[in-house]
Amino acid sequence: MASLMQSTTHGFLAPACYNLPQPTTYRLSFHAAIVDEVTEQMKVAMKAKDTVKLGTIRLVRSAFANAAIGLKVDALSDDQAVDVLRKMAKMRAESIDMYNKGGATDRAEAEQAELDVLNQWLPSLADEDQTREWVLEAIEQAGDNSNIGKVMGALMKAHKGEVDGSLAQKVVKEEVAKL
């Protein structure tokens, strides 16, 4: 009789002929180095009663969980975690810029504090000199020196995750204008 019955989402039994979909469960196990470090820092922030750091870390863990669900994986890799952190850092940087332009320096300072917490797990990006060197290489590889899109494509393909996109775009425009 048990083989003719199946469990439903709410634990009730229904005839097997109904072919009810089984609920999808996501086990969110964090095993990557960055994710483990974030969890460890959360414990430290709790003990130190550092509300800014703790609040930011909770946001990071939530973003990691959402990304894991969106990617349908059990645990984020370090690369995936860095992508999530970069998106969060970019949002904070844009907010800081807008708050400063709007005169809300208190909010800008709060966003800066969150950005400082996020930056501790992000690998450092290339400085302007290194970016300029890579841009010159990308211009040579692109062939069509006047096409900013091709140059940016070659640059980002070769150095994704190592270079800041806005800095790269600024340097590419400067170098293409020199040609």
Protein backbone atom coordinates (compact mmCIF):
# COMPACT_ATOMS: atom_id res chain seq x y z
CA MET A 1 0.00 0.00 0.00
CA ALA A 2 2.87 2.36 0.78
CA SER A 3 4.19 2.13 -2.77
CA LEU A 4 0.83 3.31 -4.07
CA MET A 5 0.99 6.45 -1.93
CA GLN A 6 3.37 9.39 -2.08
CA SER A 7 4.13 12.17 0.36
CA THR A 8 3.01 15.69 -0.56
CA THR A 9 4.66 19.00 0.27
CA HIS A 10 2.81 19.24 3.55
CA GLY A 11 3.45 15.64 4.62
CA PHE A 12 0.07 14.26 3.59
CA LEU A 13 -0.22 11.09 1.59
CA ALA A 14 -1.72 11.14 -1.90
CA PRO A 15 -2.16 8.41 -4.50
CA ALA A 16 1.01 7.88 -6.55
CA CYS A 17 -0.95 8.26 -9.76
CA TYR A 18 -1.22 12.01 -9.10
CA ASN A 19 2.52 12.45 -9.86
CA LEU A 20 2.86 15.43 -7.57
CA PRO A 21 6.12 17.34 -7.86
CA GLN A 22 8.41 16.90 -4.91
CA PRO A 23 9.44 20.11 -3.16
CA THR A 24 12.82 21.49 -4.11
CA THR A 25 15.12 21.92 -1.18
CA TYR A 26 18.36 23.83 -1.28
CA ARG A 27 20.91 22.92 1.29
CA LEU A 28 22.97 26.03 1.69
CA SER A 29 26.30 24.72 2.81
CA PHE A 30 29.09 27.21 2.62
CA HIS A 31 32.46 25.52 2.09
CA ALA A 32 34.46 28.05 0.08
CA ALA A 33 37.31 29.88 1.75
CA ILE A 34 35.77 33.35 1.41
CA VAL A 35 32.40 32.20 2.65
CA ASP A 36 34.01 30.46 5.62
CA GLU A 37 35.97 33.62 6.42
CA VAL A 38 32.78 35.70 6.29
CA THR A 39 31.11 33.31 8.73
CA GLU A 40 34.12 33.43 11.04
CA GLN A 41 34.17 37.24 10.95
CA MET A 42 30.47 37.28 11.80
CA LYS A 43 31.23 35.44 15.03
CA VAL A 44 34.02 37.91 15.82
CA ALA A 45 31.73 40.88 15.12
CA MET A 46 29.02 39.41 17.37
CA LYS A 47 31.46 38.98 20.25
CA ALA A 48 32.84 42.50 19.73
CA LYS A 49 29.31 43.94 19.41
CA ASP A 50 30.40 45.71 16.20
CA THR A 51 26.97 46.54 14.77
CA VAL A 52 28.20 48.01 11.48
CA LYS A 53 30.39 45.04 10.65
CA LEU A 54 27.78 42.55 11.84
CA GLY A 55 25.02 44.17 9.77
CA THR A 56 27.20 44.19 6.67
CA ILE A 57 28.24 40.58 7.16
CA ARG A 58 24.61 39.55 7.53
CA LEU A 59 23.86 41.27 4.23
CA VAL A 60 26.80 39.45 2.63
CA ARG A 61 25.64 36.07 3.92
CA SER A 62 22.14 36.78 2.64
CA ALA A 63 23.54 37.74 -0.76
CA PHE A 64 25.60 34.53 -0.80
CA ALA A 65 22.51 32.47 0.01
CA ASN A 66 20.48 34.21 -2.71
CA ALA A 67 23.28 33.68 -5.24
CA ALA A 68 23.54 29.99 -4.33
CA ILE A 69 19.81 29.57 -4.81
CA GLY A 70 19.90 31.52 -8.08
CA LEU A 71 22.80 29.45 -9.39
CA LYS A 72 21.22 26.24 -8.05
CA VAL A 73 24.36 25.18 -6.23
CA ASP A 74 24.89 23.97 -2.69
CA ALA A 75 27.95 26.15 -2.06
CA LEU A 76 29.44 29.13 -3.82
CA SER A 77 32.95 28.89 -5.17
CA ASP A 78 35.41 31.64 -4.33
CA ASP A 79 34.97 33.14 -7.81
CA GLN A 80 31.20 33.25 -7.38
CA ALA A 81 31.58 34.77 -3.91
CA VAL A 82 33.93 37.44 -5.29
CA ASP A 83 31.39 38.27 -8.01
CA VAL A 84 28.71 38.75 -5.35
CA LEU A 85 31.04 40.90 -3.24
CA ARG A 86 32.04 43.02 -6.27
CA LYS A 87 28.39 43.71 -7.07
CA MET A 88 27.76 44.73 -3.48
CA ALA A 89 30.87 46.93 -3.41
CA LYS A 90 29.88 48.59 -6.68
CA MET A 91 26.42 49.38 -5.29
CA ARG A 92 28.01 50.91 -2.18
CA ALA A 93 30.45 53.00 -4.24
CA GLU A 94 27.62 54.34 -6.40
CA SER A 95 25.57 55.12 -3.29
CA ILE A 96 28.48 56.97 -1.70
CA ASP A 97 28.86 59.05 -4.84
CA MET A 98 25.17 59.92 -4.95
CA TYR A 99 24.95 60.70 -1.23
CA ASN A 100 27.97 63.00 -1.46
CA LYS A 101 26.46 64.81 -4.45
CA GLY A 102 23.18 65.15 -2.56
CA GLY A 103 24.84 66.46 0.58
CA ALA A 104 23.92 63.47 2.77
CA THR A 105 27.40 62.96 4.21
CA ASP A 106 26.14 60.91 7.16
CA ARG A 107 24.65 58.33 4.80
CA ALA A 108 27.78 58.40 2.66
CA GLU A 109 29.87 57.65 5.75
CA ALA A 110 27.62 54.72 6.65
CA GLU A 111 27.94 53.32 3.12
CA GLN A 112 31.72 53.83 3.27
CA ALA A 113 31.88 51.83 6.49
CA GLU A 114 30.02 48.97 4.77
CA LEU A 115 32.30 49.25 1.74
CA ASP A 116 35.35 48.98 4.00
CA VAL A 117 33.98 45.73 5.44
CA LEU A 118 33.32 44.34 1.95
CA ASN A 119 36.77 45.29 0.68
CA GLN A 120 38.50 43.05 3.18
CA TRP A 121 37.43 39.98 1.16
CA LEU A 122 37.90 41.41 -2.31
CA PRO A 123 41.17 40.88 -4.14
CA SER A 124 42.84 44.16 -5.00
CA LEU A 125 42.38 45.48 -8.51
CA ALA A 126 45.13 46.75 -10.76
CA ASP A 127 46.23 50.35 -10.31
CA GLU A 128 46.14 52.90 -13.12
CA ASP A 129 49.69 52.20 -14.34
CA GLN A 130 49.09 48.46 -14.62
CA THR A 131 45.71 49.09 -16.26
CA ARG A 132 47.34 51.42 -18.81
CA GLU A 133 49.91 48.73 -19.64
CA TRP A 134 47.16 46.16 -20.17
CA VAL A 135 45.17 48.66 -22.27
CA LEU A 136 48.13 49.18 -24.59
CA GLU A 137 48.42 45.41 -25.01
CA ALA A 138 44.67 45.18 -25.71
CA ILE A 139 44.92 47.93 -28.32
CA GLU A 140 47.62 45.92 -30.12
CA GLN A 141 45.52 42.75 -29.92
CA ALA A 142 42.28 44.40 -31.03
CA GLY A 143 43.67 45.45 -34.40
CA ASP A 144 41.04 48.17 -34.92
CA ASN A 145 42.60 50.75 -32.62
CA SER A 146 39.78 53.28 -32.84
CA ASN A 147 37.03 50.89 -31.73
CA ILE A 148 36.72 51.30 -27.97
CA GLY A 149 34.35 48.32 -27.72
CA LYS A 150 36.85 45.92 -29.28
CA VAL A 151 39.65 47.21 -27.08
CA MET A 152 37.51 46.90 -23.94
CA GLY A 153 36.43 43.40 -25.00
CA ALA A 154 40.03 42.27 -25.46
CA LEU A 155 41.05 43.86 -22.16
CA MET A 156 38.22 42.37 -20.11
CA LYS A 157 38.67 38.96 -21.73
CA ALA A 158 42.32 38.88 -20.74
CA HIS A 159 42.01 40.49 -17.29
CA LYS A 160 38.48 39.96 -16.00
CA GLY A 161 38.36 40.35 -12.24
CA GLU A 162 41.77 42.01 -12.17
CA VAL A 163 40.83 45.44 -13.47
CA ASP A 164 38.22 48.01 -12.49
CA GLY A 165 35.84 48.47 -15.42
CA SER A 166 35.32 52.21 -14.98
CA LEU A 167 39.05 52.88 -14.66
CA ALA A 168 39.70 50.67 -17.68
CA GLN A 169 37.11 52.56 -19.73
CA LYS A 170 38.67 55.90 -18.78
CA VAL A 171 42.18 54.71 -19.72
CA VAL A 172 40.98 53.14 -22.99
CA LYS A 173 39.32 56.42 -24.02
CA GLU A 174 42.51 58.34 -23.20
CA GLU A 175 44.76 55.95 -25.11
CA VAL A 176 42.47 55.68 -28.14
CA ALA A 177 42.27 59.49 -28.29
CA LYS A 178 46.09 59.63 -28.53
CA LEU A 179 46.09 57.47 -31.66
